[in-house]
N, C-alpha and C. Protein backbone atom coordinates (compact mmCIF):
# COMPACT_ATOMS: atom_id res chain seq x y z
N MET A 1 19.60 -30.42 -30.46
CA MET A 1 19.69 -29.48 -31.56
C MET A 1 20.24 -28.18 -31.00
N ASN A 2 21.27 -27.62 -31.66
CA ASN A 2 21.84 -26.37 -31.16
C ASN A 2 20.92 -25.20 -31.48
N THR A 3 21.23 -24.07 -30.90
CA THR A 3 20.34 -22.91 -30.99
C THR A 3 20.14 -22.44 -32.42
N ALA A 4 21.22 -22.38 -33.21
CA ALA A 4 21.11 -21.91 -34.59
C ALA A 4 20.26 -22.86 -35.43
N ASN A 5 20.53 -24.16 -35.28
CA ASN A 5 19.74 -25.15 -36.03
C ASN A 5 18.27 -25.11 -35.62
N ARG A 6 18.04 -24.99 -34.32
CA ARG A 6 16.66 -24.94 -33.83
C ARG A 6 15.95 -23.70 -34.37
N GLN A 7 16.66 -22.56 -34.38
CA GLN A 7 16.05 -21.34 -34.89
C GLN A 7 15.72 -21.47 -36.37
N ASN A 8 16.65 -22.06 -37.14
CA ASN A 8 16.38 -22.28 -38.57
C ASN A 8 15.18 -23.20 -38.76
N ARG A 9 15.13 -24.28 -37.97
CA ARG A 9 14.02 -25.22 -38.09
C ARG A 9 12.71 -24.54 -37.68
N LEU A 10 12.76 -23.72 -36.64
CA LEU A 10 11.58 -22.99 -36.18
C LEU A 10 11.09 -22.06 -37.28
N ASP A 11 12.02 -21.34 -37.90
CA ASP A 11 11.64 -20.43 -38.99
C ASP A 11 10.98 -21.20 -40.13
N THR A 12 11.56 -22.35 -40.49
CA THR A 12 11.01 -23.16 -41.57
C THR A 12 9.60 -23.64 -41.23
N LEU A 13 9.43 -24.13 -40.03
CA LEU A 13 8.13 -24.64 -39.61
C LEU A 13 7.09 -23.52 -39.53
N LYS A 14 7.50 -22.35 -39.09
CA LYS A 14 6.56 -21.23 -39.01
C LYS A 14 6.12 -20.79 -40.42
N ILE A 15 7.06 -20.83 -41.36
CA ILE A 15 6.71 -20.49 -42.75
C ILE A 15 5.71 -21.51 -43.29
N ARG A 16 5.99 -22.79 -43.05
CA ARG A 16 5.07 -23.84 -43.52
C ARG A 16 3.69 -23.70 -42.86
N GLU A 17 3.71 -23.31 -41.60
CA GLU A 17 2.44 -23.11 -40.89
C GLU A 17 1.67 -21.95 -41.53
N ALA A 18 2.36 -20.85 -41.81
CA ALA A 18 1.72 -19.70 -42.44
C ALA A 18 1.19 -20.04 -43.83
N GLU A 19 1.89 -20.90 -44.52
CA GLU A 19 1.45 -21.32 -45.86
C GLU A 19 0.30 -22.32 -45.80
N GLY A 20 0.11 -22.91 -44.64
CA GLY A 20 -0.93 -23.92 -44.48
C GLY A 20 -0.51 -25.29 -44.94
N THR A 21 0.80 -25.55 -45.03
CA THR A 21 1.30 -26.83 -45.52
C THR A 21 1.97 -27.65 -44.42
N LEU A 22 1.74 -27.29 -43.19
CA LEU A 22 2.36 -27.96 -42.05
C LEU A 22 1.70 -29.33 -41.84
N THR A 23 2.51 -30.36 -41.76
CA THR A 23 1.98 -31.70 -41.50
C THR A 23 1.77 -31.87 -39.99
N GLN A 24 1.08 -32.94 -39.63
CA GLN A 24 0.84 -33.21 -38.21
C GLN A 24 2.16 -33.47 -37.49
N LYS A 25 3.08 -34.17 -38.15
CA LYS A 25 4.39 -34.44 -37.55
C LYS A 25 5.14 -33.13 -37.34
N GLU A 26 5.06 -32.22 -38.31
CA GLU A 26 5.72 -30.92 -38.18
C GLU A 26 5.04 -30.08 -37.10
N ARG A 27 3.72 -30.20 -36.99
CA ARG A 27 2.99 -29.49 -35.92
C ARG A 27 3.49 -29.94 -34.56
N THR A 28 3.67 -31.23 -34.41
CA THR A 28 4.19 -31.79 -33.16
C THR A 28 5.59 -31.27 -32.89
N GLU A 29 6.42 -31.24 -33.95
CA GLU A 29 7.79 -30.73 -33.81
C GLU A 29 7.77 -29.25 -33.45
N LEU A 30 6.91 -28.47 -34.10
CA LEU A 30 6.81 -27.03 -33.81
C LEU A 30 6.37 -26.81 -32.36
N ASP A 31 5.37 -27.57 -31.93
CA ASP A 31 4.91 -27.46 -30.54
C ASP A 31 6.02 -27.83 -29.56
N ALA A 32 6.81 -28.82 -29.92
CA ALA A 32 7.92 -29.24 -29.05
C ALA A 32 8.98 -28.14 -28.96
N ILE A 33 9.27 -27.51 -30.09
CA ILE A 33 10.26 -26.41 -30.09
C ILE A 33 9.74 -25.26 -29.22
N PHE A 34 8.46 -24.91 -29.39
CA PHE A 34 7.89 -23.85 -28.56
C PHE A 34 7.93 -24.23 -27.08
N ALA A 35 7.68 -25.48 -26.77
CA ALA A 35 7.73 -25.94 -25.37
C ALA A 35 9.15 -25.82 -24.82
N GLU A 36 10.15 -26.19 -25.64
CA GLU A 36 11.55 -26.03 -25.22
C GLU A 36 11.87 -24.56 -24.97
N LEU A 37 11.46 -23.71 -25.89
CA LEU A 37 11.74 -22.27 -25.74
C LEU A 37 11.06 -21.72 -24.49
N ASP A 38 9.82 -22.15 -24.25
CA ASP A 38 9.11 -21.70 -23.06
C ASP A 38 9.84 -22.16 -21.79
N ALA A 39 10.30 -23.40 -21.79
CA ALA A 39 11.01 -23.93 -20.62
C ALA A 39 12.32 -23.18 -20.40
N GLU A 40 13.04 -22.92 -21.46
CA GLU A 40 14.31 -22.18 -21.34
C GLU A 40 14.05 -20.76 -20.84
N GLU A 41 12.99 -20.15 -21.36
CA GLU A 41 12.65 -18.80 -20.91
C GLU A 41 12.28 -18.79 -19.44
N ALA A 42 11.52 -19.79 -19.01
CA ALA A 42 11.13 -19.88 -17.60
C ALA A 42 12.36 -20.02 -16.71
N VAL A 43 13.32 -20.84 -17.14
CA VAL A 43 14.55 -21.02 -16.36
C VAL A 43 15.34 -19.72 -16.33
N ALA A 44 15.43 -19.05 -17.48
CA ALA A 44 16.19 -17.80 -17.56
C ALA A 44 15.55 -16.70 -16.73
N LEU A 45 14.23 -16.68 -16.68
CA LEU A 45 13.53 -15.62 -15.96
C LEU A 45 13.33 -15.91 -14.48
N LYS A 46 13.56 -17.15 -14.07
CA LYS A 46 13.29 -17.54 -12.69
C LYS A 46 13.98 -16.63 -11.66
N PRO A 47 15.28 -16.33 -11.79
CA PRO A 47 15.90 -15.45 -10.79
C PRO A 47 15.26 -14.06 -10.75
N THR A 48 14.92 -13.53 -11.90
CA THR A 48 14.30 -12.21 -11.94
C THR A 48 12.91 -12.25 -11.34
N VAL A 49 12.15 -13.29 -11.65
CA VAL A 49 10.81 -13.43 -11.09
C VAL A 49 10.90 -13.57 -9.57
N GLU A 50 11.84 -14.37 -9.10
CA GLU A 50 12.00 -14.55 -7.65
C GLU A 50 12.41 -13.23 -6.99
N LYS A 51 13.31 -12.50 -7.64
CA LYS A 51 13.75 -11.21 -7.10
C LYS A 51 12.57 -10.24 -7.00
N HIS A 52 11.78 -10.19 -8.05
CA HIS A 52 10.62 -9.30 -8.04
C HIS A 52 9.58 -9.75 -7.03
N GLN A 53 9.39 -11.04 -6.89
CA GLN A 53 8.44 -11.53 -5.89
C GLN A 53 8.91 -11.18 -4.49
N ALA A 54 10.22 -11.29 -4.25
CA ALA A 54 10.75 -10.92 -2.94
C ALA A 54 10.53 -9.43 -2.68
N LEU A 55 10.71 -8.61 -3.71
CA LEU A 55 10.48 -7.18 -3.58
C LEU A 55 9.00 -6.91 -3.29
N ILE A 56 8.12 -7.57 -4.00
CA ILE A 56 6.68 -7.41 -3.78
C ILE A 56 6.32 -7.82 -2.35
N ASP A 57 6.86 -8.95 -1.91
CA ASP A 57 6.59 -9.42 -0.54
C ASP A 57 7.07 -8.40 0.48
N SER A 58 8.25 -7.86 0.24
CA SER A 58 8.81 -6.85 1.15
C SER A 58 7.95 -5.60 1.18
N LEU A 59 7.50 -5.16 0.02
CA LEU A 59 6.65 -3.97 -0.05
C LEU A 59 5.30 -4.21 0.61
N LEU A 60 4.74 -5.40 0.45
CA LEU A 60 3.48 -5.71 1.10
C LEU A 60 3.63 -5.73 2.62
N GLU A 61 4.76 -6.25 3.08
CA GLU A 61 5.03 -6.27 4.52
C GLU A 61 5.18 -4.84 5.04
N GLU A 62 5.91 -4.02 4.29
CA GLU A 62 6.08 -2.62 4.68
C GLU A 62 4.73 -1.89 4.69
N GLU A 63 3.90 -2.18 3.70
CA GLU A 63 2.58 -1.56 3.63
C GLU A 63 1.76 -1.93 4.87
N THR A 64 1.81 -3.19 5.27
CA THR A 64 1.09 -3.63 6.46
C THR A 64 1.59 -2.91 7.70
N GLU A 65 2.90 -2.79 7.81
CA GLU A 65 3.48 -2.08 8.96
C GLU A 65 3.05 -0.62 8.97
N LEU A 66 3.07 0.01 7.79
CA LEU A 66 2.68 1.41 7.71
C LEU A 66 1.19 1.60 8.03
N GLU A 67 0.37 0.67 7.58
CA GLU A 67 -1.06 0.74 7.90
C GLU A 67 -1.28 0.62 9.40
N THR A 68 -0.51 -0.24 10.05
CA THR A 68 -0.60 -0.39 11.50
C THR A 68 -0.19 0.90 12.19
N THR A 69 0.91 1.50 11.72
CA THR A 69 1.38 2.76 12.29
C THR A 69 0.35 3.86 12.09
N VAL A 70 -0.22 3.93 10.91
CA VAL A 70 -1.25 4.94 10.63
C VAL A 70 -2.43 4.77 11.58
N ALA A 71 -2.86 3.54 11.79
CA ALA A 71 -3.98 3.28 12.69
C ALA A 71 -3.64 3.72 14.11
N GLN A 72 -2.42 3.44 14.56
CA GLN A 72 -2.01 3.84 15.90
C GLN A 72 -1.93 5.36 16.01
N LEU A 73 -1.42 6.00 14.96
CA LEU A 73 -1.35 7.47 14.97
C LEU A 73 -2.74 8.08 14.97
N GLN A 74 -3.67 7.44 14.28
CA GLN A 74 -5.05 7.94 14.26
C GLN A 74 -5.66 7.88 15.64
N VAL A 75 -5.34 6.84 16.39
CA VAL A 75 -5.83 6.73 17.77
C VAL A 75 -5.29 7.89 18.60
N ILE A 76 -4.00 8.20 18.41
CA ILE A 76 -3.39 9.31 19.15
C ILE A 76 -4.04 10.63 18.77
N VAL A 77 -4.25 10.84 17.47
CA VAL A 77 -4.87 12.09 17.00
C VAL A 77 -6.27 12.23 17.59
N THR A 78 -7.03 11.15 17.58
CA THR A 78 -8.39 11.19 18.14
C THR A 78 -8.34 11.52 19.63
N ALA A 79 -7.42 10.91 20.35
CA ALA A 79 -7.28 11.18 21.79
C ALA A 79 -6.87 12.64 22.03
N GLN A 80 -5.97 13.15 21.18
CA GLN A 80 -5.54 14.54 21.32
C GLN A 80 -6.71 15.50 21.09
N LYS A 81 -7.51 15.20 20.07
CA LYS A 81 -8.68 16.05 19.79
C LYS A 81 -9.63 16.03 20.98
N GLN A 82 -9.85 14.85 21.54
CA GLN A 82 -10.73 14.74 22.71
C GLN A 82 -10.16 15.52 23.89
N LEU A 83 -8.84 15.45 24.06
CA LEU A 83 -8.19 16.18 25.14
C LEU A 83 -8.42 17.68 24.97
N VAL A 84 -8.28 18.19 23.76
CA VAL A 84 -8.50 19.61 23.50
C VAL A 84 -9.96 19.97 23.79
N GLU A 85 -10.90 19.14 23.34
CA GLU A 85 -12.32 19.40 23.62
C GLU A 85 -12.59 19.41 25.12
N ASP A 86 -12.00 18.43 25.82
CA ASP A 86 -12.18 18.37 27.28
C ASP A 86 -11.59 19.61 27.95
N ALA A 87 -10.43 20.06 27.50
CA ALA A 87 -9.78 21.24 28.08
C ALA A 87 -10.62 22.48 27.83
N ARG A 88 -11.18 22.61 26.64
CA ARG A 88 -12.04 23.76 26.35
C ARG A 88 -13.29 23.75 27.24
N ALA A 89 -13.89 22.59 27.38
CA ALA A 89 -15.08 22.48 28.22
C ALA A 89 -14.74 22.82 29.67
N TYR A 90 -13.62 22.32 30.14
CA TYR A 90 -13.20 22.60 31.51
C TYR A 90 -12.90 24.08 31.70
N LEU A 91 -12.27 24.70 30.70
CA LEU A 91 -11.97 26.13 30.76
C LEU A 91 -13.27 26.93 30.81
N MET A 92 -14.24 26.54 30.01
CA MET A 92 -15.53 27.24 30.03
C MET A 92 -16.18 27.10 31.41
N GLN A 93 -16.07 25.91 31.99
CA GLN A 93 -16.63 25.68 33.33
C GLN A 93 -15.91 26.56 34.35
N LEU A 94 -14.59 26.64 34.26
CA LEU A 94 -13.82 27.48 35.19
C LEU A 94 -14.19 28.95 35.03
N ARG A 95 -14.34 29.38 33.78
CA ARG A 95 -14.71 30.79 33.54
C ARG A 95 -16.10 31.08 34.12
N ALA A 96 -17.01 30.14 33.93
CA ALA A 96 -18.36 30.34 34.46
C ALA A 96 -18.33 30.41 35.99
N THR A 97 -17.56 29.53 36.59
CA THR A 97 -17.44 29.55 38.06
C THR A 97 -16.79 30.84 38.53
N ARG A 98 -15.75 31.27 37.84
CA ARG A 98 -15.06 32.52 38.19
C ARG A 98 -16.01 33.70 38.06
N ALA A 99 -16.82 33.71 36.98
CA ALA A 99 -17.78 34.80 36.79
C ALA A 99 -18.83 34.79 37.90
N MET A 100 -19.29 33.62 38.30
CA MET A 100 -20.26 33.52 39.37
C MET A 100 -19.66 34.05 40.68
N LEU A 101 -18.43 33.68 40.94
CA LEU A 101 -17.76 34.16 42.16
C LEU A 101 -17.55 35.66 42.11
N ALA A 102 -17.21 36.16 40.92
CA ALA A 102 -17.02 37.62 40.78
C ALA A 102 -18.33 38.35 41.01
N ASP A 103 -19.44 37.78 40.50
CA ASP A 103 -20.74 38.40 40.72
C ASP A 103 -21.09 38.40 42.21
N LYS A 104 -20.84 37.30 42.91
CA LYS A 104 -21.11 37.23 44.36
C LYS A 104 -20.25 38.24 45.11
N TYR A 105 -18.99 38.33 44.73
CA TYR A 105 -18.07 39.28 45.37
C TYR A 105 -18.58 40.70 45.16
N HIS A 106 -18.98 41.00 43.93
CA HIS A 106 -19.49 42.34 43.62
C HIS A 106 -20.76 42.62 44.43
N ALA A 107 -21.62 41.61 44.52
CA ALA A 107 -22.86 41.79 45.28
C ALA A 107 -22.58 42.05 46.75
N LEU A 108 -21.56 41.43 47.30
CA LEU A 108 -21.24 41.59 48.72
C LEU A 108 -20.45 42.86 49.01
N THR A 109 -19.51 43.20 48.09
CA THR A 109 -18.60 44.32 48.39
C THR A 109 -18.89 45.55 47.54
N GLY A 110 -19.58 45.38 46.43
CA GLY A 110 -19.80 46.50 45.52
C GLY A 110 -18.58 46.77 44.65
N GLU A 111 -17.58 45.97 44.79
CA GLU A 111 -16.35 46.16 44.00
C GLU A 111 -16.19 45.00 43.02
N GLU A 112 -15.37 45.31 42.00
CA GLU A 112 -15.04 44.27 41.02
C GLU A 112 -13.93 43.38 41.60
N LEU A 113 -14.04 42.14 41.35
CA LEU A 113 -13.01 41.20 41.77
C LEU A 113 -11.85 41.34 40.78
N ALA A 114 -10.66 41.54 41.29
CA ALA A 114 -9.48 41.74 40.42
C ALA A 114 -9.30 40.57 39.46
N GLY A 115 -9.10 40.90 38.20
CA GLY A 115 -8.85 39.89 37.18
C GLY A 115 -10.10 39.15 36.72
N ALA A 116 -11.27 39.60 37.15
CA ALA A 116 -12.50 38.92 36.74
C ALA A 116 -12.91 39.34 35.34
N ARG A 117 -13.55 38.42 34.66
CA ARG A 117 -14.11 38.62 33.32
C ARG A 117 -13.09 38.77 32.31
């Protein structure tokens, strides 16, 4: 059945269905027409569906890669923060040692140690 004839028959069957006068044979025919239309639509949409699925797959792969990169960057950030904390602690230790030495120098010589405090 060509497209125009099928559309006319579909319209007729849908009207009969709405009126409540559809026979069982016509119901079977209507279901068959809908099945044909669904199959044609599936075939027509297949390239678009495949294209979109490929895009989704690509985006999911990119998301996974970005999540991996973010995790690796977070490790670097954490290490950098620890390095800064360690440097501050070491600096405080050096200052304390320098102050102790300056105090000893002052106690021995009565003079201030140059650059102390």
